[in-house]
Amino acid sequence: MLNERSLKALVGVHPDLVAVVKRAAEIMPGGFIVTEGMRTKERQRELFAKGLSKTMNSRHLVGLAVDFAPLIDGDVTWKTPAFLPVIKAFKTASAELKIPIVSGGDWKTFRDFPHIELDRKVYR
């Protein structure tokens, strides 16, 4: 089940991505929180300036991406291995719902493990 912070972060996010996130939470209860969904241009500029984003054309700006953080015993962790089972839950949810997603953890450059987005080939 998603906590209140996660549900608030999903406001403005495309309904198909929300469905994937909610199904992933059912598959992996208590396994992650959603840290960010829809972003303002100001927030994107801030992240870009800090080097935490590589683009000013983020999918977050149009509600087609979310960031998440894995939970271990209820605490957020940023250790890469903890992201892998959560990403697997997202991919399982995506396949079940037939809603194509892309994980930033699969990118060849700037691997962004906390990032999930709707596939650009289908969602523009």
PDB file of N, CA and C in Angstrom:
ATOM      1  N   MET A   1       0.846  -1.186   0.000  1.00  0.00           N
ATOM      2  CA  MET A   1       0.000   0.000   0.000  1.00  0.00           C
ATOM      3  C   MET A   1       0.889   1.247   0.000  1.00  0.00           C
ATOM      4  N   LEU A   2       0.516   2.200  -0.790  1.00  0.00           N
ATOM      5  CA  LEU A   2       1.276   3.441  -0.878  1.00  0.00           C
ATOM      6  C   LEU A   2       0.928   4.370   0.283  1.00  0.00           C
ATOM      7  N   ASN A   3       1.954   5.022   0.822  1.00  0.00           N
ATOM      8  CA  ASN A   3       1.703   5.954   1.920  1.00  0.00           C
ATOM      9  C   ASN A   3       1.182   7.283   1.380  1.00  0.00           C
ATOM     10  N   GLU A   4       0.830   8.178   2.291  1.00  0.00           N
ATOM     11  CA  GLU A   4       0.248   9.462   1.906  1.00  0.00           C
ATOM     12  C   GLU A   4       1.205  10.294   1.055  1.00  0.00           C
ATOM     13  N   ARG A   5       2.488  10.282   1.408  1.00  0.00           N
ATOM     14  CA  ARG A   5       3.484  11.031   0.626  1.00  0.00           C
ATOM     15  C   ARG A   5       3.500  10.536  -0.817  1.00  0.00           C
ATOM     16  N   SER A   6       3.485   9.212  -0.990  1.00  0.00           N
ATOM     17  CA  SER A   6       3.511   8.632  -2.334  1.00  0.00           C
ATOM     18  C   SER A   6       2.278   9.017  -3.127  1.00  0.00           C
ATOM     19  N   LEU A   7       1.117   8.929  -2.498  1.00  0.00           N
ATOM     20  CA  LEU A   7      -0.122   9.285  -3.192  1.00  0.00           C
ATOM     21  C   LEU A   7      -0.125  10.755  -3.595  1.00  0.00           C
ATOM     22  N   LYS A   8       0.393  11.618  -2.729  1.00  0.00           N
ATOM     23  CA  LYS A   8       0.483  13.045  -3.047  1.00  0.00           C
ATOM     24  C   LYS A   8       1.424  13.265  -4.229  1.00  0.00           C
ATOM     25  N   ALA A   9       2.523  12.515  -4.277  1.00  0.00           N
ATOM     26  CA  ALA A   9       3.495  12.644  -5.369  1.00  0.00           C
ATOM     27  C   ALA A   9       2.916  12.195  -6.707  1.00  0.00           C
ATOM     28  N   LEU A  10       1.858  11.403  -6.680  1.00  0.00           N
ATOM     29  CA  LEU A  10       1.253  10.908  -7.919  1.00  0.00           C
ATOM     30  C   LEU A  10       0.225  11.868  -8.524  1.00  0.00           C
ATOM     31  N   VAL A  11      -0.086  12.949  -7.818  1.00  0.00           N
ATOM     32  CA  VAL A  11      -1.040  13.929  -8.336  1.00  0.00           C
ATOM     33  C   VAL A  11      -0.469  14.545  -9.619  1.00  0.00           C
ATOM     34  N   GLY A  12      -1.253  14.497 -10.680  1.00  0.00           N
ATOM     35  CA  GLY A  12      -0.840  15.054 -11.966  1.00  0.00           C
ATOM     36  C   GLY A  12      -0.106  14.074 -12.863  1.00  0.00           C
ATOM     37  N   VAL A  13       0.197  12.879 -12.351  1.00  0.00           N
ATOM     38  CA  VAL A  13       0.892  11.852 -13.133  1.00  0.00           C
ATOM     39  C   VAL A  13      -0.133  11.133 -14.011  1.00  0.00           C
ATOM     40  N   HIS A  14       0.293  10.760 -15.207  1.00  0.00           N
ATOM     41  CA  HIS A  14      -0.588  10.067 -16.156  1.00  0.00           C
ATOM     42  C   HIS A  14      -1.238   8.854 -15.474  1.00  0.00           C
ATOM     43  N   PRO A  15      -2.545   8.670 -15.675  1.00  0.00           N
ATOM     44  CA  PRO A  15      -3.256   7.562 -15.017  1.00  0.00           C
ATOM     45  C   PRO A  15      -2.657   6.180 -15.299  1.00  0.00           C
ATOM     46  N   ASP A  16      -2.103   5.963 -16.480  1.00  0.00           N
ATOM     47  CA  ASP A  16      -1.504   4.657 -16.772  1.00  0.00           C
ATOM     48  C   ASP A  16      -0.281   4.409 -15.895  1.00  0.00           C
ATOM     49  N   LEU A  17       0.522   5.431 -15.684  1.00  0.00           N
ATOM     50  CA  LEU A  17       1.697   5.275 -14.822  1.00  0.00           C
ATOM     51  C   LEU A  17       1.269   5.105 -13.370  1.00  0.00           C
ATOM     52  N   VAL A  18       0.238   5.821 -12.956  1.00  0.00           N
ATOM     53  CA  VAL A  18      -0.295   5.645 -11.602  1.00  0.00           C
ATOM     54  C   VAL A  18      -0.742   4.197 -11.410  1.00  0.00           C
ATOM     55  N   ALA A  19      -1.395   3.626 -12.405  1.00  0.00           N
ATOM     56  CA  ALA A  19      -1.843   2.233 -12.320  1.00  0.00           C
ATOM     57  C   ALA A  19      -0.654   1.285 -12.148  1.00  0.00           C
ATOM     58  N   VAL A  20       0.421   1.526 -12.886  1.00  0.00           N
ATOM     59  CA  VAL A  20       1.620   0.683 -12.769  1.00  0.00           C
ATOM     60  C   VAL A  20       2.211   0.824 -11.369  1.00  0.00           C
ATOM     61  N   VAL A  21       2.310   2.043 -10.876  1.00  0.00           N
ATOM     62  CA  VAL A  21       2.873   2.270  -9.535  1.00  0.00           C
ATOM     63  C   VAL A  21       2.034   1.555  -8.478  1.00  0.00           C
ATOM     64  N   LYS A  22       0.722   1.689  -8.568  1.00  0.00           N
ATOM     65  CA  LYS A  22      -0.157   1.058  -7.571  1.00  0.00           C
ATOM     66  C   LYS A  22      -0.074  -0.458  -7.646  1.00  0.00           C
ATOM     67  N   ARG A  23       0.013  -1.012  -8.840  1.00  0.00           N
ATOM     68  CA  ARG A  23       0.145  -2.474  -8.966  1.00  0.00           C
ATOM     69  C   ARG A  23       1.495  -2.930  -8.427  1.00  0.00           C
ATOM     70  N   ALA A  24       2.555  -2.181  -8.701  1.00  0.00           N
ATOM     71  CA  ALA A  24       3.880  -2.528  -8.165  1.00  0.00           C
ATOM     72  C   ALA A  24       3.850  -2.514  -6.641  1.00  0.00           C
ATOM     73  N   ALA A  25       3.119  -1.581  -6.060  1.00  0.00           N
ATOM     74  CA  ALA A  25       3.002  -1.515  -4.597  1.00  0.00           C
ATOM     75  C   ALA A  25       2.260  -2.726  -4.047  1.00  0.00           C
ATOM     76  N   GLU A  26       1.304  -3.259  -4.812  1.00  0.00           N
ATOM     77  CA  GLU A  26       0.608  -4.488  -4.400  1.00  0.00           C
ATOM     78  C   GLU A  26       1.546  -5.685  -4.482  1.00  0.00           C
ATOM     79  N   ILE A  27       2.373  -5.717  -5.508  1.00  0.00           N
ATOM     80  CA  ILE A  27       3.322  -6.813  -5.695  1.00  0.00           C
ATOM     81  C   ILE A  27       4.380  -6.788  -4.601  1.00  0.00           C
ATOM     82  N   MET A  28       4.791  -5.593  -4.214  1.00  0.00           N
ATOM     83  CA  MET A  28       5.881  -5.422  -3.257  1.00  0.00           C
ATOM     84  C   MET A  28       5.436  -4.480  -2.137  1.00  0.00           C
ATOM     85  N   PRO A  29       4.493  -4.920  -1.286  1.00  0.00           N
ATOM     86  CA  PRO A  29       3.959  -4.024  -0.258  1.00  0.00           C
ATOM     87  C   PRO A  29       5.056  -3.529   0.684  1.00  0.00           C
ATOM     88  N   GLY A  30       5.031  -2.220   0.936  1.00  0.00           N
ATOM     89  CA  GLY A  30       6.020  -1.640   1.840  1.00  0.00           C
ATOM     90  C   GLY A  30       7.422  -1.602   1.286  1.00  0.00           C
ATOM     91  N   GLY A  31       7.558  -1.824  -0.024  1.00  0.00           N
ATOM     92  CA  GLY A  31       8.880  -1.933  -0.619  1.00  0.00           C
ATOM     93  C   GLY A  31       9.477  -0.648  -1.139  1.00  0.00           C
ATOM     94  N   PHE A  32       8.628   0.388  -1.304  1.00  0.00           N
ATOM     95  CA  PHE A  32       9.139   1.643  -1.853  1.00  0.00           C
ATOM     96  C   PHE A  32       8.176   2.783  -1.556  1.00  0.00           C
ATOM     97  N   ILE A  33       8.692   4.000  -1.731  1.00  0.00           N
ATOM     98  CA  ILE A  33       7.851   5.191  -1.707  1.00  0.00           C
ATOM     99  C   ILE A  33       8.071   5.938  -3.014  1.00  0.00           C
ATOM    100  N   VAL A  34       7.071   6.687  -3.434  1.00  0.00           N
ATOM    101  CA  VAL A  34       7.218   7.569  -4.589  1.00  0.00           C
ATOM    102  C   VAL A  34       7.724   8.892  -4.034  1.00  0.00           C
ATOM    103  N   THR A  35       8.874   9.325  -4.517  1.00  0.00           N
ATOM    104  CA  THR A  35       9.466  10.563  -4.018  1.00  0.00           C
ATOM    105  C   THR A  35       9.075  11.770  -4.843  1.00  0.00           C
ATOM    106  N   GLU A  36       8.832  11.546  -6.135  1.00  0.00           N
ATOM    107  CA  GLU A  36       8.480  12.676  -6.988  1.00  0.00           C
ATOM    108  C   GLU A  36       7.768  12.194  -8.245  1.00  0.00           C
ATOM    109  N   GLY A  37       6.763  12.947  -8.640  1.00  0.00           N
ATOM    110  CA  GLY A  37       6.052  12.678  -9.884  1.00  0.00           C
ATOM    111  C   GLY A  37       6.159  13.902 -10.772  1.00  0.00           C
ATOM    112  N   MET A  38       5.049  14.619 -10.880  1.00  0.00           N
ATOM    113  CA  MET A  38       4.993  15.840 -11.686  1.00  0.00           C
ATOM    114  C   MET A  38       5.938  16.892 -11.099  1.00  0.00           C
ATOM    115  N   ARG A  39       6.679  17.557 -11.980  1.00  0.00           N
ATOM    116  CA  ARG A  39       7.610  18.605 -11.544  1.00  0.00           C
ATOM    117  C   ARG A  39       7.304  19.919 -12.234  1.00  0.00           C
ATOM    118  N   THR A  40       7.627  20.992 -11.532  1.00  0.00           N
ATOM    119  CA  THR A  40       7.577  22.316 -12.147  1.00  0.00           C
ATOM    120  C   THR A  40       8.894  22.545 -12.887  1.00  0.00           C
ATOM    121  N   LYS A  41       8.883  23.510 -13.791  1.00  0.00           N
ATOM    122  CA  LYS A  41      10.128  23.871 -14.498  1.00  0.00           C
ATOM    123  C   LYS A  41      11.174  24.365 -13.503  1.00  0.00           C
ATOM    124  N   GLU A  42      10.734  25.064 -12.468  1.00  0.00           N
ATOM    125  CA  GLU A  42      11.671  25.563 -11.457  1.00  0.00           C
ATOM    126  C   GLU A  42      12.361  24.414 -10.747  1.00  0.00           C
ATOM    127  N   ARG A  43      11.594  23.406 -10.364  1.00  0.00           N
ATOM    128  CA  ARG A  43      12.172  22.228  -9.697  1.00  0.00           C
ATOM    129  C   ARG A  43      13.130  21.513 -10.643  1.00  0.00           C
ATOM    130  N   GLN A  44      12.779  21.407 -11.904  1.00  0.00           N
ATOM    131  CA  GLN A  44      13.651  20.748 -12.877  1.00  0.00           C
ATOM    132  C   GLN A  44      14.953  21.524 -13.035  1.00  0.00           C
ATOM    133  N   ARG A  45      14.856  22.863 -13.087  1.00  0.00           N
ATOM    134  CA  ARG A  45      16.076  23.690 -13.177  1.00  0.00           C
ATOM    135  C   ARG A  45      16.995  23.442 -11.985  1.00  0.00           C
ATOM    136  N   GLU A  46      16.400  23.352 -10.810  1.00  0.00           N
ATOM    137  CA  GLU A  46      17.161  23.106  -9.580  1.00  0.00           C
ATOM    138  C   GLU A  46      17.893  21.769  -9.657  1.00  0.00           C
ATOM    139  N   LEU A  47      17.205  20.723 -10.063  1.00  0.00           N
ATOM    140  CA  LEU A  47      17.816  19.395 -10.167  1.00  0.00           C
ATOM    141  C   LEU A  47      18.889  19.366 -11.248  1.00  0.00           C
ATOM    142  N   PHE A  48      18.626  20.048 -12.358  1.00  0.00           N
ATOM    143  CA  PHE A  48      19.599  20.124 -13.446  1.00  0.00           C
ATOM    144  C   PHE A  48      20.867  20.842 -12.979  1.00  0.00           C
ATOM    145  N   ALA A  49      20.694  21.945 -12.273  1.00  0.00           N
ATOM    146  CA  ALA A  49      21.836  22.728 -11.773  1.00  0.00           C
ATOM    147  C   ALA A  49      22.694  21.918 -10.807  1.00  0.00           C
ATOM    148  N   LYS A  50      22.063  21.036 -10.041  1.00  0.00           N
ATOM    149  CA  LYS A  50      22.788  20.192  -9.074  1.00  0.00           C
ATOM    150  C   LYS A  50      23.378  18.939  -9.724  1.00  0.00           C
ATOM    151  N   GLY A  51      23.105  18.730 -11.012  1.00  0.00           N
ATOM    152  CA  GLY A  51      23.592  17.542 -11.699  1.00  0.00           C
ATOM    153  C   GLY A  51      22.775  16.295 -11.407  1.00  0.00           C
ATOM    154  N   LEU A  52      21.611  16.468 -10.795  1.00  0.00           N
ATOM    155  CA  LEU A  52      20.747  15.332 -10.469  1.00  0.00           C
ATOM    156  C   LEU A  52      19.812  14.968 -11.615  1.00  0.00           C
ATOM    157  N   SER A  53      19.789  15.813 -12.632  1.00  0.00           N
ATOM    158  CA  SER A  53      19.081  15.529 -13.870  1.00  0.00           C
ATOM    159  C   SER A  53      19.980  15.984 -15.001  1.00  0.00           C
ATOM    160  N   LYS A  54      19.903  15.290 -16.116  1.00  0.00           N
ATOM    161  CA  LYS A  54      20.741  15.620 -17.275  1.00  0.00           C
ATOM    162  C   LYS A  54      19.977  16.365 -18.359  1.00  0.00           C
ATOM    163  N   THR A  55      18.728  16.734 -18.081  1.00  0.00           N
ATOM    164  CA  THR A  55      17.921  17.386 -19.111  1.00  0.00           C
ATOM    165  C   THR A  55      16.981  18.418 -18.497  1.00  0.00           C
ATOM    166  N   MET A  56      16.637  19.386 -19.307  1.00  0.00           N
ATOM    167  CA  MET A  56      15.572  20.315 -18.925  1.00  0.00           C
ATOM    168  C   MET A  56      14.262  19.907 -19.606  1.00  0.00           C
ATOM    169  N   ASN A  57      14.294  18.802 -20.346  1.00  0.00           N
ATOM    170  CA  ASN A  57      13.131  18.293 -21.052  1.00  0.00           C
ATOM    171  C   ASN A  57      12.653  16.992 -20.406  1.00  0.00           C
ATOM    172  N   SER A  58      12.578  16.988 -19.092  1.00  0.00           N
ATOM    173  CA  SER A  58      12.238  15.788 -18.332  1.00  0.00           C
ATOM    174  C   SER A  58      10.798  15.341 -18.570  1.00  0.00           C
ATOM    175  N   ARG A  59      10.591  14.054 -18.530  1.00  0.00           N
ATOM    176  CA  ARG A  59       9.243  13.484 -18.633  1.00  0.00           C
ATOM    177  C   ARG A  59       8.416  13.813 -17.381  1.00  0.00           C
ATOM    178  N   HIS A  60       9.093  14.192 -16.299  1.00  0.00           N
ATOM    179  CA  HIS A  60       8.389  14.617 -15.085  1.00  0.00           C
ATOM    180  C   HIS A  60       7.558  15.876 -15.333  1.00  0.00           C
ATOM    181  N   LEU A  61       8.000  16.723 -16.243  1.00  0.00           N
ATOM    182  CA  LEU A  61       7.327  17.994 -16.499  1.00  0.00           C
ATOM    183  C   LEU A  61       5.931  17.823 -17.071  1.00  0.00           C
ATOM    184  N   VAL A  62       5.680  16.654 -17.673  1.00  0.00           N
ATOM    185  CA  VAL A  62       4.373  16.386 -18.282  1.00  0.00           C
ATOM    186  C   VAL A  62       3.675  15.182 -17.650  1.00  0.00           C
ATOM    187  N   GLY A  63       4.141  14.768 -16.476  1.00  0.00           N
ATOM    188  CA  GLY A  63       3.464  13.700 -15.737  1.00  0.00           C
ATOM    189  C   GLY A  63       3.676  12.306 -16.282  1.00  0.00           C
ATOM    190  N   LEU A  64       4.773  12.105 -17.028  1.00  0.00           N
ATOM    191  CA  LEU A  64       5.024  10.788 -17.620  1.00  0.00           C
ATOM    192  C   LEU A  64       6.153  10.025 -16.930  1.00  0.00           C
ATOM    193  N   ALA A  65       6.585  10.501 -15.751  1.00  0.00           N
ATOM    194  CA  ALA A  65       7.667   9.836 -15.024  1.00  0.00           C
ATOM    195  C   ALA A  65       7.461   9.994 -13.519  1.00  0.00           C
ATOM    196  N   VAL A  66       8.003   9.038 -12.787  1.00  0.00           N
ATOM    197  CA  VAL A  66       8.048   9.121 -11.326  1.00  0.00           C
ATOM    198  C   VAL A  66       9.435   8.692 -10.859  1.00  0.00           C
ATOM    199  N   ASP A  67       9.800   9.200  -9.706  1.00  0.00           N
ATOM    200  CA  ASP A  67      10.996   8.732  -9.016  1.00  0.00           C
ATOM    201  C   ASP A  67      10.548   8.031  -7.745  1.00  0.00           C
ATOM    202  N   PHE A  68      11.316   7.058  -7.324  1.00  0.00           N
ATOM    203  CA  PHE A  68      10.964   6.288  -6.135  1.00  0.00           C
ATOM    204  C   PHE A  68      12.216   5.997  -5.327  1.00  0.00           C
ATOM    205  N   ALA A  69      11.988   5.566  -4.100  1.00  0.00           N
ATOM    206  CA  ALA A  69      13.089   5.143  -3.233  1.00  0.00           C
ATOM    207  C   ALA A  69      12.696   3.836  -2.569  1.00  0.00           C
ATOM    208  N   PRO A  70      13.598   2.857  -2.586  1.00  0.00           N
ATOM    209  CA  PRO A  70      13.319   1.589  -1.915  1.00  0.00           C
ATOM    210  C   PRO A  70      13.290   1.771  -0.397  1.00  0.00           C
ATOM    211  N   LEU A  71      12.531   0.900   0.249  1.00  0.00           N
ATOM    212  CA  LEU A  71      12.480   0.880   1.707  1.00  0.00           C
ATOM    213  C   LEU A  71      13.048  -0.444   2.213  1.00  0.00           C
ATOM    214  N   ILE A  72      13.883  -0.351   3.215  1.00  0.00           N
ATOM    215  CA  ILE A  72      14.392  -1.546   3.899  1.00  0.00           C
ATOM    216  C   ILE A  72      14.018  -1.370   5.361  1.00  0.00           C
ATOM    217  N   ASP A  73      13.202  -2.281   5.859  1.00  0.00           N
ATOM    218  CA  ASP A  73      12.689  -2.180   7.236  1.00  0.00           C
ATOM    219  C   ASP A  73      12.069  -0.808   7.494  1.00  0.00           C
ATOM    220  N   GLY A  74      11.368  -0.282   6.506  1.00  0.00           N
ATOM    221  CA  GLY A  74      10.671   0.981   6.640  1.00  0.00           C
ATOM    222  C   GLY A  74      11.507   2.225   6.430  1.00  0.00           C
ATOM    223  N   ASP A  75      12.797   2.054   6.197  1.00  0.00           N
ATOM    224  CA  ASP A  75      13.688   3.206   6.001  1.00  0.00           C
ATOM    225  C   ASP A  75      14.135   3.304   4.548  1.00  0.00           C
ATOM    226  N   VAL A  76      14.194   4.543   4.048  1.00  0.00           N
ATOM    227  CA  VAL A  76      14.672   4.792   2.685  1.00  0.00           C
ATOM    228  C   VAL A  76      16.146   4.422   2.592  1.00  0.00           C
ATOM    229  N   THR A  77      16.500   3.776   1.487  1.00  0.00           N
ATOM    230  CA  THR A  77      17.900   3.501   1.193  1.00  0.00           C
ATOM    231  C   THR A  77      18.183   3.931  -0.238  1.00  0.00           C
ATOM    232  N   TRP A  78      19.412   4.349  -0.483  1.00  0.00           N
ATOM    233  CA  TRP A  78      19.823   4.746  -1.827  1.00  0.00           C
ATOM    234  C   TRP A  78      20.860   3.784  -2.377  1.00  0.00           C
ATOM    235  N   LYS A  79      21.034   2.631  -1.730  1.00  0.00           N
ATOM    236  CA  LYS A  79      22.001   1.636  -2.194  1.00  0.00           C
ATOM    237  C   LYS A  79      21.430   0.906  -3.406  1.00  0.00           C
ATOM    238  N   THR A  80      22.219   0.872  -4.464  1.00  0.00           N
ATOM    239  CA  THR A  80      21.773   0.334  -5.757  1.00  0.00           C
ATOM    240  C   THR A  80      21.110  -1.040  -5.662  1.00  0.00           C
ATOM    241  N   PRO A  81      21.658  -2.013  -4.945  1.00  0.00           N
ATOM    242  CA  PRO A  81      21.000  -3.333  -4.938  1.00  0.00           C
ATOM    243  C   PRO A  81      19.546  -3.305  -4.456  1.00  0.00           C
ATOM    244  N   ALA A  82      19.208  -2.358  -3.613  1.00  0.00           N
ATOM    245  CA  ALA A  82      17.840  -2.276  -3.100  1.00  0.00           C
ATOM    246  C   ALA A  82      16.842  -1.843  -4.179  1.00  0.00           C
ATOM    247  N   PHE A  83      17.323  -1.189  -5.219  1.00  0.00           N
ATOM    248  CA  PHE A  83      16.437  -0.746  -6.302  1.00  0.00           C
ATOM    249  C   PHE A  83      15.989  -1.906  -7.186  1.00  0.00           C
ATOM    250  N   LEU A  84      16.811  -2.932  -7.293  1.00  0.00           N
ATOM    251  CA  LEU A  84      16.559  -3.992  -8.273  1.00  0.00           C
ATOM    252  C   LEU A  84      15.235  -4.730  -8.065  1.00  0.00           C
ATOM    253  N   PRO A  85      14.878  -5.161  -6.841  1.00  0.00           N
ATOM    254  CA  PRO A  85      13.576  -5.825  -6.698  1.00  0.00           C
ATOM    255  C   PRO A  85      12.391  -4.888  -6.931  1.00  0.00           C
ATOM    256  N   VAL A  86      12.569  -3.610  -6.636  1.00  0.00           N
ATOM    257  CA  VAL A  86      11.486  -2.658  -6.881  1.00  0.00           C
ATOM    258  C   VAL A  86      11.305  -2.469  -8.389  1.00  0.00           C
ATOM    259  N   ILE A  87      12.407  -2.331  -9.105  1.00  0.00           N
ATOM    260  CA  ILE A  87      12.329  -2.221 -10.563  1.00  0.00           C
ATOM    261  C   ILE A  87      11.661  -3.464 -11.147  1.00  0.00           C
ATOM    262  N   LYS A  88      11.988  -4.624 -10.606  1.00  0.00           N
ATOM    263  CA  LYS A  88      11.354  -5.867 -11.080  1.00  0.00           C
ATOM    264  C   LYS A  88       9.845  -5.820 -10.838  1.00  0.00           C
ATOM    265  N   ALA A  89       9.419  -5.293  -9.695  1.00  0.00           N
ATOM    266  CA  ALA A  89       7.981  -5.173  -9.407  1.00  0.00           C
ATOM    267  C   ALA A  89       7.313  -4.221 -10.403  1.00  0.00           C
ATOM    268  N   PHE A  90       7.981  -3.105 -10.730  1.00  0.00           N
ATOM    269  CA  PHE A  90       7.444  -2.187 -11.738  1.00  0.00           C
ATOM    270  C   PHE A  90       7.311  -2.887 -13.090  1.00  0.00           C
ATOM    271  N   LYS A  91       8.323  -3.635 -13.477  1.00  0.00           N
ATOM    272  CA  LYS A  91       8.281  -4.315 -14.777  1.00  0.00           C
ATOM    273  C   LYS A  91       7.205  -5.396 -14.806  1.00  0.00           C
ATOM    274  N   THR A  92       7.020  -6.088 -13.693  1.00  0.00           N
ATOM    275  CA  THR A  92       5.958  -7.100 -13.613  1.00  0.00           C
ATOM    276  C   THR A  92       4.594  -6.429 -13.737  1.00  0.00           C
ATOM    277  N   ALA A  93       4.409  -5.321 -13.021  1.00  0.00           N
ATOM    278  CA  ALA A  93       3.147  -4.579 -13.097  1.00  0.00           C
ATOM    279  C   ALA A  93       2.912  -4.079 -14.515  1.00  0.00           C
ATOM    280  N   SER A  94       3.950  -3.575 -15.140  1.00  0.00           N
ATOM    281  CA  SER A  94       3.857  -3.091 -16.513  1.00  0.00           C
ATOM    282  C   SER A  94       3.393  -4.199 -17.455  1.00  0.00           C
ATOM    283  N   ALA A  95       3.988  -5.360 -17.335  1.00  0.00           N
ATOM    284  CA  ALA A  95       3.631  -6.491 -18.199  1.00  0.00           C
ATOM    285  C   ALA A  95       2.190  -6.940 -17.944  1.00  0.00           C
ATOM    286  N   GLU A  96       1.812  -7.051 -16.676  1.00  0.00           N
ATOM    287  CA  GLU A  96       0.446  -7.472 -16.340  1.00  0.00           C
ATOM    288  C   GLU A  96      -0.595  -6.510 -16.905  1.00  0.00           C
ATOM    289  N   LEU A  97      -0.323  -5.214 -16.788  1.00  0.00           N
ATOM    290  CA  LEU A  97      -1.279  -4.198 -17.203  1.00  0.00           C
ATOM    291  C   LEU A  97      -1.159  -3.812 -18.677  1.00  0.00           C
ATOM    292  N   LYS A  98      -0.118  -4.344 -19.318  1.00  0.00           N
ATOM    293  CA  LYS A  98       0.151  -4.028 -20.730  1.00  0.00           C
ATOM    294  C   LYS A  98       0.346  -2.513 -20.936  1.00  0.00           C
ATOM    295  N   ILE A  99       1.069  -1.924 -19.994  1.00  0.00           N
ATOM    296  CA  ILE A  99       1.413  -0.506 -20.047  1.00  0.00           C
ATOM    297  C   ILE A  99       2.941  -0.442 -20.095  1.00  0.00           C
ATOM    298  N   PRO A 100       3.516  -0.092 -21.247  1.00  0.00           N
ATOM    299  CA  PRO A 100       4.973  -0.140 -21.383  1.00  0.00           C
ATOM    300  C   PRO A 100       5.684   0.986 -20.608  1.00  0.00           C
ATOM    301  N   ILE A 101       6.690   0.572 -19.850  1.00  0.00           N
ATOM    302  CA  ILE A 101       7.502   1.528 -19.090  1.00  0.00           C
ATOM    303  C   ILE A 101       8.973   1.327 -19.431  1.00  0.00           C
ATOM    304  N   VAL A 102       9.766   2.288 -19.010  1.00  0.00           N
ATOM    305  CA  VAL A 102      11.218   2.209 -19.132  1.00  0.00           C
ATOM    306  C   VAL A 102      11.790   2.561 -17.771  1.00  0.00           C
ATOM    307  N   SER A 103      12.763   1.786 -17.341  1.00  0.00           N
ATOM    308  CA  SER A 103      13.460   2.056 -16.086  1.00  0.00           C
ATOM    309  C   SER A 103      14.748   2.811 -16.370  1.00  0.00           C
ATOM    310  N   GLY A 104      14.975   3.880 -15.627  1.00  0.00           N
ATOM    311  CA  GLY A 104      16.239   4.600 -15.739  1.00  0.00           C
ATOM    312  C   GLY A 104      17.425   3.722 -15.375  1.00  0.00           C
ATOM    313  N   GLY A 105      17.184   2.661 -14.644  1.00  0.00           N
ATOM    314  CA  GLY A 105      18.242   1.712 -14.297  1.00  0.00           C
ATOM    315  C   GLY A 105      18.737   0.917 -15.491  1.00  0.00           C
ATOM    316  N   ASP A 106      17.971   0.913 -16.580  1.00  0.00           N
ATOM    317  CA  ASP A 106      18.366   0.192 -17.794  1.00  0.00           C
ATOM    318  C   ASP A 106      19.090   1.080 -18.802  1.00  0.00           C
ATOM    319  N   TRP A 107      19.151   2.373 -18.533  1.00  0.00           N
ATOM    320  CA  TRP A 107      19.822   3.279 -19.467  1.00  0.00           C
ATOM    321  C   TRP A 107      21.308   2.983 -19.508  1.00  0.00           C
ATOM    322  N   LYS A 108      21.899   3.166 -20.660  1.00  0.00           N
ATOM    323  CA  LYS A 108      23.330   2.862 -20.853  1.00  0.00           C
ATOM    324  C   LYS A 108      24.228   3.954 -20.278  1.00  0.00           C
ATOM    325  N   THR A 109      23.767   5.221 -20.367  1.00  0.00           N
ATOM    326  CA  THR A 109      24.529   6.317 -19.766  1.00  0.00           C
ATOM    327  C   THR A 109      23.642   6.966 -18.714  1.00  0.00           C
ATOM    328  N   PHE A 110      24.238   7.539 -17.703  1.00  0.00           N
ATOM    329  CA  PHE A 110      23.507   8.143 -16.592  1.00  0.00           C
ATOM    330  C   PHE A 110      22.396   7.207 -16.112  1.00  0.00           C
ATOM    331  N   ARG A 111      22.804   6.067 -15.590  1.00  0.00           N
ATOM    332  CA  ARG A 111      21.825   5.123 -15.043  1.00  0.00           C
ATOM    333  C   ARG A 111      21.129   5.786 -13.865  1.00  0.00           C
ATOM    334  N   ASP A 112      19.828   5.878 -13.965  1.00  0.00           N
ATOM    335  CA  ASP A 112      19.009   6.603 -12.989  1.00  0.00           C
ATOM    336  C   ASP A 112      18.066   5.604 -12.320  1.00  0.00           C
ATOM    337  N   PHE A 113      18.596   4.849 -11.379  1.00  0.00           N
ATOM    338  CA  PHE A 113      17.835   3.760 -10.766  1.00  0.00           C
ATOM    339  C   PHE A 113      16.507   4.197 -10.150  1.00  0.00           C
ATOM    340  N   PRO A 114      16.385   5.399  -9.565  1.00  0.00           N
ATOM    341  CA  PRO A 114      15.101   5.778  -8.963  1.00  0.00           C
ATOM    342  C   PRO A 114      14.020   6.205  -9.961  1.00  0.00           C
ATOM    343  N   HIS A 115      14.274   6.130 -11.265  1.00  0.00           N
ATOM    344  CA  HIS A 115      13.387   6.707 -12.271  1.00  0.00           C
ATOM    345  C   HIS A 115      12.645   5.633 -13.073  1.00  0.00           C
ATOM    346  N   ILE A 116      11.335   5.830 -13.207  1.00  0.00           N
ATOM    347  CA  ILE A 116      10.474   4.995 -14.062  1.00  0.00           C
ATOM    348  C   ILE A 116       9.654   5.956 -14.920  1.00  0.00           C
ATOM    349  N   GLU A 117       9.541   5.650 -16.202  1.00  0.00           N
ATOM    350  CA  GLU A 117       8.722   6.498 -17.066  1.00  0.00           C
ATOM    351  C   GLU A 117       7.923   5.652 -18.044  1.00  0.00           C
ATOM    352  N   LEU A 118       6.843   6.237 -18.548  1.00  0.00           N
ATOM    353  CA  LEU A 118       6.091   5.588 -19.615  1.00  0.00           C
ATOM    354  C   LEU A 118       6.942   5.613 -20.877  1.00  0.00           C
ATOM    355  N   ASP A 119       6.896   4.524 -21.625  1.00  0.00           N
ATOM    356  CA  ASP A 119       7.725   4.362 -22.821  1.00  0.00           C
ATOM    357  C   ASP A 119       7.432   5.456 -23.854  1.00  0.00           C
ATOM    358  N   ARG A 120       8.494   6.130 -24.287  1.00  0.00           N
ATOM    359  CA  ARG A 120       8.380   7.220 -25.263  1.00  0.00           C
ATOM    360  C   ARG A 120       7.808   6.752 -26.605  1.00  0.00           C
ATOM    361  N   LYS A 121       7.958   5.476 -26.920  1.00  0.00           N
ATOM    362  CA  LYS A 121       7.450   4.972 -28.194  1.00  0.00           C
ATOM    363  C   LYS A 121       5.917   4.988 -28.219  1.00  0.00           C
ATOM    364  N   VAL A 122       5.302   4.980 -27.040  1.00  0.00           N
ATOM    365  CA  VAL A 122       3.845   4.917 -26.959  1.00  0.00           C
ATOM    366  C   VAL A 122       3.262   6.201 -26.385  1.00  0.00           C
ATOM    367  N   TYR A 123       3.950   6.794 -25.406  1.00  0.00           N
ATOM    368  CA  TYR A 123       3.451   7.982 -24.701  1.00  0.00           C
ATOM    369  C   TYR A 123       4.347   9.175 -25.020  1.00  0.00           C
ATOM    370  N   ARG A 124       3.756  10.194 -25.623  1.00  0.00           N
ATOM    371  CA  ARG A 124       4.547  11.387 -26.011  1.00  0.00           C
ATOM    372  C   ARG A 124       4.133  12.598 -25.230  1.00  0.00           C
TER     373      ARG A 124
END
